[in-house]
Amino acid sequence: MIDVDIEERRGAFHLAVAFTADAPIVGLFGRSGAGKTTLVNAIAGIGRPLRGAVRVNGHVLFDSARGIDLRPERRRIGYVFQEARLFPHLSVHANLVYGQRRRAAAERFIDEHRVVELLGLGALLRRKPRTLSGGERQRVAIGRALLAQPRILLMDEPLASLDIGRRVEILDYIERLRDELSIPIVYVSHAVAEIARLADTVVLLSEGKCLAVGDVEDVMARADLRPATGRYESGSLIEARVLGHDATSGLTTLGFDGGELVLPRLAAAPGERVRARVRARDVSLALRRPEQISILNVLPGRVAAVRVDAGPVAEVTAAVGTTTIHARVTRKAVEELGLREGRDVFVLVKAVSLDQRSVGYA
């Protein structure tokens, strides 16, 4: 449980945020300058709020009314920055255990060997940071933060300096940590795909204020929040299970409450739960089932809502079973197809639009 209610000033910037979240991963989302780093620094004790309180799993880290302001080293927080910030003169192993050595044996509830295994660091232990790739350095930084035996793990844009391939790699490891270690994670990003894939609860920030807190799918889909979430990246989250793989075509089939989705092969076993993000701009609509087309995913649904703002673009929400899928189309398409609430449609999703970055393990 993370409970934050603070106010802080940094020059002309004013941060006033209050939220409570109880989830394995809490995503702090917002555009650059929204206050995400200022907020996590306040949780870590690097910044000092003017007033308020910060509590993690019942432990009071800061409370201005009671005069409590624990030093950063006493807050039991693991912090992973955009850059790995490893000690260049130490080996990977020495970097990993640096924080752990400051904890008494009775406080060490995270096992070193387990962290090495989870993060795939066994072959790197004797190497120096300068010999590692960017993704390897970031995995070591995550391991070092975990072995400091934290009550909470803060991750501030940890993928910002990595290329796409390394980002996918680190996302996989973060999901493993979420599933196997009982440590709450606050994950900071301005990338919708990362928040949608990892977070259970999202805290949406804008200009130092908290605009919304809640289920990531509900918050990111709200039309009234598009100025902060980014209309271009609007989309839907689909909770699904892996039904099987087709070795010949290299495709995976997912089953969800509403039908099936086909996408490029996932490294997941049949029966595993996954979360697929479908961007609204990758969704098309038709009044009749199309024939002889390249799009493999054709799902029967019904229009649940239509939003037409000033300009050429419209947002259409379709119900596919109990699953909601958003489509970004033109106003002209809405008018010519007569799209309105209650109208039956077919929802079309290109299989190749669902890549590794948009599908994660639930």
Protein backbone atom coordinates (compact mmCIF):
# COMPACT_ATOMS: atom_id res chain seq x y z
CA MET A 1 0.00 0.00 0.00
CA ILE A 2 1.36 3.39 -1.04
CA ASP A 3 -0.25 6.46 0.52
CA VAL A 4 0.98 9.88 -0.65
CA ASP A 5 -0.39 13.33 0.12
CA ILE A 6 2.27 16.00 -0.35
CA GLU A 7 2.90 19.53 -1.55
CA GLU A 8 6.28 20.75 -2.76
CA ARG A 9 7.76 23.71 -4.63
CA ARG A 10 10.76 23.66 -6.94
CA GLY A 11 11.30 27.22 -8.11
CA ALA A 12 8.17 28.15 -10.06
CA PHE A 13 6.98 24.54 -10.18
CA HIS A 14 4.29 23.58 -7.67
CA LEU A 15 3.59 19.91 -6.93
CA ALA A 16 0.40 19.01 -5.05
CA VAL A 17 -0.43 15.31 -5.30
CA ALA A 18 -2.54 12.94 -3.22
CA PHE A 19 -3.25 9.28 -4.01
CA THR A 20 -3.51 5.85 -2.44
CA ALA A 21 -2.69 2.72 -4.39
CA ASP A 22 -2.51 -0.96 -3.50
CA ALA A 23 -1.14 -2.80 -6.53
CA PRO A 24 2.00 -4.76 -7.50
CA ILE A 25 3.01 -2.00 -9.93
CA VAL A 26 1.82 1.60 -9.74
CA GLY A 27 2.53 3.58 -12.89
CA LEU A 28 3.26 7.30 -12.66
CA PHE A 29 2.37 8.62 -16.09
CA GLY A 30 2.53 12.07 -17.58
CA ARG A 31 4.29 14.14 -20.15
CA SER A 32 7.71 15.71 -19.55
CA GLY A 33 7.46 18.31 -16.79
CA ALA A 34 4.36 16.78 -15.22
CA GLY A 35 6.16 16.23 -11.89
CA LYS A 36 6.89 12.50 -12.01
CA THR A 37 10.54 12.69 -10.95
CA THR A 38 9.81 15.34 -8.32
CA LEU A 39 7.20 13.02 -6.84
CA VAL A 40 9.41 9.91 -6.71
CA ASN A 41 12.26 11.97 -5.25
CA ALA A 42 9.90 13.07 -2.48
CA ILE A 43 9.01 9.42 -1.79
CA ALA A 44 12.71 8.53 -1.74
CA GLY A 45 13.60 11.37 0.61
CA ILE A 46 15.79 13.17 -1.94
CA GLY A 47 13.34 16.07 -1.98
CA ARG A 48 11.57 17.46 1.07
CA PRO A 49 7.88 18.42 0.70
CA LEU A 50 6.51 21.55 2.27
CA ARG A 51 3.77 19.55 3.92
CA GLY A 52 1.99 16.22 3.87
CA ALA A 53 2.78 12.56 4.45
CA VAL A 54 4.24 9.53 2.70
CA ARG A 55 3.50 5.99 3.90
CA VAL A 56 4.56 2.65 2.42
CA ASN A 57 2.96 -0.54 3.73
CA GLY A 58 2.10 1.20 6.99
CA HIS A 59 5.60 2.65 7.52
CA VAL A 60 5.65 6.44 7.86
CA LEU A 61 8.49 7.88 5.78
CA PHE A 62 7.43 11.51 6.01
CA ASP A 63 4.80 13.33 8.03
CA SER A 64 5.14 17.10 8.37
CA ALA A 65 2.45 17.32 11.06
CA ARG A 66 4.29 14.81 13.28
CA GLY A 67 7.78 16.04 12.47
CA ILE A 68 8.82 12.77 10.80
CA ASP A 69 11.29 12.95 7.90
CA LEU A 70 13.39 9.80 7.59
CA ARG A 71 16.73 10.14 5.86
CA PRO A 72 16.89 8.40 2.45
CA GLU A 73 19.07 5.57 3.77
CA ARG A 74 16.52 4.84 6.51
CA ARG A 75 13.52 4.68 4.19
CA ARG A 76 14.43 1.23 2.81
CA ILE A 77 13.80 2.28 -0.79
CA GLY A 78 15.40 0.86 -3.92
CA TYR A 79 15.84 3.46 -6.66
CA VAL A 80 16.56 2.69 -10.31
CA PHE A 81 17.39 5.75 -12.40
CA GLN A 82 17.36 6.39 -16.15
CA GLU A 83 21.08 5.64 -16.20
CA ALA A 84 22.45 2.59 -14.39
CA ARG A 85 24.91 4.63 -12.24
CA LEU A 86 27.06 1.61 -11.41
CA PHE A 87 30.39 1.94 -9.65
CA PRO A 88 32.85 1.62 -12.57
CA HIS A 89 35.75 0.27 -10.49
CA LEU A 90 33.69 -2.56 -8.96
CA SER A 91 32.71 -5.86 -10.52
CA VAL A 92 29.08 -6.68 -11.23
CA HIS A 93 28.97 -8.82 -8.09
CA ALA A 94 30.45 -6.05 -5.93
CA ASN A 95 27.92 -3.59 -7.35
CA LEU A 96 25.07 -5.98 -6.58
CA VAL A 97 25.95 -6.54 -2.93
CA TYR A 98 26.98 -2.94 -2.19
CA GLY A 99 23.68 -2.01 -0.58
CA GLN A 100 23.05 -5.43 0.93
CA ARG A 101 26.15 -5.18 3.12
CA ARG A 102 24.54 -2.24 4.93
CA ARG A 103 21.63 -4.42 6.04
CA ALA A 104 21.69 -6.69 9.06
CA ALA A 105 21.20 -10.37 8.32
CA ALA A 106 17.74 -10.24 9.93
CA GLU A 107 16.67 -7.56 7.42
CA ARG A 108 17.72 -9.53 4.33
CA PHE A 109 14.53 -11.03 2.97
CA ILE A 110 15.56 -10.96 -0.71
CA ASP A 111 18.03 -13.69 -1.59
CA GLU A 112 21.09 -12.74 -3.63
CA HIS A 113 21.12 -15.96 -5.65
CA ARG A 114 17.43 -15.57 -6.49
CA VAL A 115 17.97 -12.05 -7.80
CA VAL A 116 20.92 -13.19 -9.90
CA GLU A 117 18.75 -15.93 -11.35
CA LEU A 118 15.69 -13.75 -11.98
CA LEU A 119 17.73 -11.09 -13.77
CA GLY A 120 19.99 -13.49 -15.67
CA LEU A 121 23.20 -12.09 -14.18
CA GLY A 122 25.10 -15.30 -13.44
CA ALA A 123 27.48 -15.00 -16.40
CA LEU A 124 28.20 -11.32 -15.68
CA LEU A 125 29.30 -11.39 -12.05
CA ARG A 126 33.05 -11.04 -12.64
CA ARG A 127 32.78 -8.38 -15.34
CA LYS A 128 33.18 -4.61 -14.97
CA PRO A 129 30.37 -2.22 -15.95
CA ARG A 130 32.30 -0.83 -18.95
CA THR A 131 32.14 -4.26 -20.63
CA LEU A 132 28.34 -4.53 -20.37
CA SER A 133 25.63 -3.54 -22.81
CA GLY A 134 23.07 -0.90 -21.82
CA GLY A 135 20.46 -3.53 -21.03
CA GLU A 136 22.92 -5.56 -18.95
CA ARG A 137 23.94 -2.49 -16.94
CA GLN A 138 20.31 -1.68 -16.22
CA ARG A 139 19.64 -5.25 -15.06
CA VAL A 140 22.57 -4.93 -12.66
CA ALA A 141 21.18 -1.61 -11.40
CA ILE A 142 17.82 -3.26 -10.74
CA GLY A 143 19.53 -6.13 -8.92
CA ARG A 144 21.55 -3.73 -6.76
CA ALA A 145 18.37 -1.85 -5.81
CA LEU A 146 16.62 -5.10 -4.88
CA LEU A 147 19.50 -6.41 -2.77
CA ALA A 148 19.37 -3.23 -0.69
CA GLN A 149 16.32 -5.04 0.77
CA PRO A 150 13.81 -2.26 0.01
CA ARG A 151 10.23 -1.89 1.16
CA ILE A 152 9.44 -0.41 -2.25
CA LEU A 153 11.21 -0.16 -5.60
CA LEU A 154 11.16 3.17 -7.47
CA MET A 155 11.94 3.04 -11.20
CA ASP A 156 12.31 6.44 -12.85
CA GLU A 157 12.22 6.09 -16.66
CA PRO A 158 14.51 3.02 -16.48
CA LEU A 159 14.23 2.31 -20.21
CA ALA A 160 14.72 5.86 -21.49
CA SER A 161 18.34 5.36 -22.58
CA LEU A 162 17.86 1.92 -24.19
CA ASP A 163 17.06 0.89 -27.74
CA ILE A 164 13.85 -0.96 -28.56
CA GLY A 165 15.38 -4.44 -28.27
CA ARG A 166 16.84 -3.78 -24.84
CA ARG A 167 13.57 -2.18 -23.68
CA VAL A 168 11.65 -5.35 -24.49
CA GLU A 169 14.30 -7.38 -22.63
CA ILE A 170 14.05 -5.25 -19.47
CA LEU A 171 10.24 -5.22 -19.57
CA ASP A 172 10.33 -9.02 -19.49
CA TYR A 173 12.57 -8.98 -16.42
CA ILE A 174 10.40 -6.41 -14.61
CA GLU A 175 7.39 -8.66 -15.16
CA ARG A 176 9.30 -11.57 -13.63
CA LEU A 177 10.12 -9.44 -10.58
CA ARG A 178 6.48 -8.41 -10.25
CA ASP A 179 5.35 -12.04 -10.34
CA GLU A 180 7.97 -13.56 -8.03
CA LEU A 181 8.94 -10.88 -5.48
CA SER A 182 6.42 -9.29 -3.13
CA ILE A 183 7.74 -5.75 -3.42
CA PRO A 184 5.55 -2.86 -4.59
CA ILE A 185 6.98 -1.03 -7.59
CA VAL A 186 6.41 2.58 -8.59
CA TYR A 187 7.21 2.78 -12.29
CA VAL A 188 7.66 6.21 -13.88
CA SER A 189 7.27 6.71 -17.61
CA HIS A 190 5.82 8.98 -20.28
CA ALA A 191 5.52 5.99 -22.64
CA VAL A 192 1.96 4.70 -22.85
CA ALA A 193 3.07 1.25 -24.01
CA GLU A 194 5.25 0.70 -20.92
CA ILE A 195 2.58 1.83 -18.46
CA ALA A 196 -0.14 -0.18 -20.20
CA ARG A 197 1.98 -3.32 -20.25
CA LEU A 198 3.29 -3.20 -16.66
CA ALA A 199 1.05 -1.18 -14.38
CA ASP A 200 -2.03 -2.35 -12.50
CA THR A 201 -2.87 1.12 -11.20
CA VAL A 202 -1.93 4.35 -12.95
CA VAL A 203 -1.52 7.80 -11.41
CA LEU A 204 -1.90 10.42 -14.14
CA LEU A 205 0.03 13.65 -13.52
CA SER A 206 -0.12 16.96 -15.32
CA GLU A 207 1.58 20.22 -14.32
CA GLY A 208 2.16 18.99 -10.78
CA LYS A 209 -1.41 17.83 -10.20
CA CYS A 210 -2.98 14.37 -10.02
CA LEU A 211 -5.66 14.20 -12.71
CA ALA A 212 -6.77 10.62 -12.13
CA VAL A 213 -5.95 7.43 -10.23
CA GLY A 214 -7.30 4.02 -11.09
CA ASP A 215 -7.22 0.94 -13.26
CA VAL A 216 -4.80 1.56 -16.11
CA GLU A 217 -7.30 0.63 -18.82
CA ASP A 218 -10.04 2.86 -17.40
CA VAL A 219 -7.80 5.90 -16.95
CA MET A 220 -5.99 5.67 -20.28
CA ALA A 221 -9.26 5.20 -22.17
CA ARG A 222 -11.03 8.27 -20.75
CA ALA A 223 -11.70 10.76 -23.51
CA ASP A 224 -11.67 13.73 -21.12
CA LEU A 225 -8.05 12.94 -20.18
CA ARG A 226 -6.73 12.81 -23.75
CA PRO A 227 -4.88 16.16 -23.44
CA ALA A 228 -2.72 14.51 -20.78
CA THR A 229 -2.62 10.90 -21.99
CA GLY A 230 -2.11 11.72 -25.66
CA ARG A 231 -4.89 11.15 -28.16
CA TYR A 232 -2.53 9.63 -30.72
CA GLU A 233 -1.59 6.83 -28.32
CA SER A 234 -5.10 6.04 -27.12
CA GLY A 235 -5.97 2.36 -27.11
CA SER A 236 -7.38 -0.64 -25.27
CA LEU A 237 -6.03 -3.32 -22.97
CA ILE A 238 -7.22 -6.88 -23.53
CA GLU A 239 -6.76 -9.51 -20.83
CA ALA A 240 -6.27 -12.82 -22.60
CA ARG A 241 -4.79 -16.32 -22.45
CA VAL A 242 -2.48 -18.02 -24.90
CA LEU A 243 -4.47 -20.65 -26.78
CA GLY A 244 -1.66 -22.01 -28.89
CA HIS A 245 1.06 -21.44 -31.48
CA ASP A 246 1.24 -22.18 -35.19
CA ALA A 247 4.82 -23.18 -35.98
CA THR A 248 4.23 -23.00 -39.72
CA SER A 249 2.98 -19.41 -39.81
CA GLY A 250 4.90 -18.21 -36.76
CA LEU A 251 1.72 -16.92 -35.14
CA THR A 252 0.19 -17.13 -31.66
CA THR A 253 -3.54 -17.18 -30.91
CA LEU A 254 -4.92 -15.45 -27.83
CA GLY A 255 -8.37 -16.08 -26.41
CA PHE A 256 -10.33 -13.39 -24.58
CA ASP A 257 -13.91 -12.66 -23.60
CA GLY A 258 -15.04 -11.58 -27.03
CA GLY A 259 -13.12 -13.80 -29.39
CA GLU A 260 -9.58 -14.56 -30.48
CA LEU A 261 -6.61 -12.48 -31.54
CA VAL A 262 -3.81 -13.66 -33.81
CA LEU A 263 -0.40 -12.02 -33.56
CA PRO A 264 3.31 -12.77 -34.19
CA ARG A 265 4.54 -15.64 -32.04
CA LEU A 266 4.96 -14.97 -28.33
CA ALA A 267 7.46 -16.70 -26.05
CA ALA A 268 4.64 -17.89 -23.80
CA ALA A 269 3.21 -21.31 -23.06
CA PRO A 270 -0.42 -22.21 -23.81
CA GLY A 271 -2.59 -21.23 -20.88
CA GLU A 272 -0.43 -18.29 -19.78
CA ARG A 273 -2.24 -15.03 -19.08
CA VAL A 274 -1.14 -12.00 -21.07
CA ARG A 275 -2.19 -8.40 -21.51
CA ALA A 276 -2.34 -7.08 -25.06
CA ARG A 277 -2.52 -3.38 -25.87
CA VAL A 278 -4.35 -2.51 -29.06
CA ARG A 279 -3.75 1.06 -30.20
CA ALA A 280 -6.85 2.86 -31.42
CA ARG A 281 -5.05 3.96 -34.58
CA ASP A 282 -4.49 0.27 -35.47
CA VAL A 283 -8.23 -0.53 -35.38
CA SER A 284 -10.60 -0.28 -38.36
CA LEU A 285 -14.37 -0.79 -38.50
CA ALA A 286 -16.67 -2.36 -41.08
CA LEU A 287 -20.43 -2.84 -41.32
CA ARG A 288 -20.07 -6.23 -43.05
CA ARG A 289 -17.55 -8.99 -42.52
CA PRO A 290 -14.79 -8.27 -45.05
CA GLU A 291 -13.60 -10.97 -47.44
CA GLN A 292 -10.23 -11.53 -49.09
CA ILE A 293 -8.32 -9.04 -46.94
CA SER A 294 -4.91 -9.29 -45.25
CA ILE A 295 -6.20 -8.40 -41.78
CA LEU A 296 -6.43 -11.61 -39.75
CA ASN A 297 -8.37 -10.33 -36.74
CA VAL A 298 -12.02 -9.67 -37.59
CA LEU A 299 -14.19 -9.47 -34.46
CA PRO A 300 -17.98 -8.95 -34.33
CA GLY A 301 -18.97 -6.16 -31.97
CA ARG A 302 -21.35 -3.31 -31.32
CA VAL A 303 -20.76 0.43 -31.11
CA ALA A 304 -20.90 1.56 -27.49
CA ALA A 305 -20.01 5.24 -27.96
CA VAL A 306 -18.93 7.75 -30.58
CA ARG A 307 -16.95 10.88 -29.77
CA VAL A 308 -16.53 13.51 -32.48
CA ASP A 309 -14.54 16.62 -31.59
CA ALA A 310 -13.58 19.57 -33.74
CA GLY A 311 -11.33 18.40 -36.54
CA PRO A 312 -11.25 15.39 -38.86
CA VAL A 313 -10.76 12.63 -36.25
CA ALA A 314 -13.33 10.69 -34.22
CA GLU A 315 -13.11 8.07 -31.46
CA VAL A 316 -15.43 5.07 -31.61
CA THR A 317 -15.77 2.62 -28.73
CA ALA A 318 -16.92 -0.89 -29.61
CA ALA A 319 -18.02 -3.66 -27.24
CA VAL A 320 -16.60 -7.04 -28.27
CA GLY A 321 -18.13 -9.45 -25.79
CA THR A 322 -17.38 -7.83 -22.43
CA THR A 323 -14.19 -6.29 -23.80
CA THR A 324 -14.00 -2.66 -24.90
CA ILE A 325 -11.95 -1.80 -27.98
CA HIS A 326 -11.33 1.77 -29.12
CA ALA A 327 -10.96 2.79 -32.76
CA ARG A 328 -9.57 6.07 -34.09
CA VAL A 329 -11.22 6.87 -37.41
CA THR A 330 -12.16 9.92 -39.46
CA ARG A 331 -15.32 11.95 -39.00
CA LYS A 332 -16.08 11.19 -42.63
CA ALA A 333 -16.03 7.45 -41.88
CA VAL A 334 -18.41 7.94 -38.95
CA GLU A 335 -20.83 9.86 -41.18
CA GLU A 336 -20.64 7.57 -44.22
CA LEU A 337 -20.96 4.35 -42.19
CA GLY A 338 -23.66 5.80 -39.96
CA LEU A 339 -21.75 4.78 -36.83
CA ARG A 340 -23.87 5.34 -33.76
CA GLU A 341 -24.46 3.71 -30.40
CA GLY A 342 -25.98 0.24 -30.75
CA ARG A 343 -24.92 -0.36 -34.34
CA ASP A 344 -23.38 -3.77 -35.14
CA VAL A 345 -19.88 -3.58 -36.59
CA PHE A 346 -16.84 -5.71 -37.27
CA VAL A 347 -13.65 -4.67 -35.50
CA LEU A 348 -10.49 -5.18 -37.56
CA VAL A 349 -7.02 -5.39 -35.99
CA LYS A 350 -3.84 -6.07 -37.96
CA ALA A 351 -1.89 -8.95 -36.42
CA VAL A 352 1.47 -7.22 -36.99
CA SER A 353 0.36 -4.22 -34.94
CA LEU A 354 0.57 -6.42 -31.84
CA ASP A 355 4.32 -6.68 -31.33
CA GLN A 356 6.44 -7.64 -28.30
CA ARG A 357 6.29 -4.11 -26.91
CA SER A 358 2.49 -4.18 -26.72
CA VAL A 359 2.02 -7.62 -25.16
CA GLY A 360 3.11 -8.51 -21.65
CA TYR A 361 2.45 -11.16 -19.03
CA ALA A 362 -0.55 -10.40 -16.84
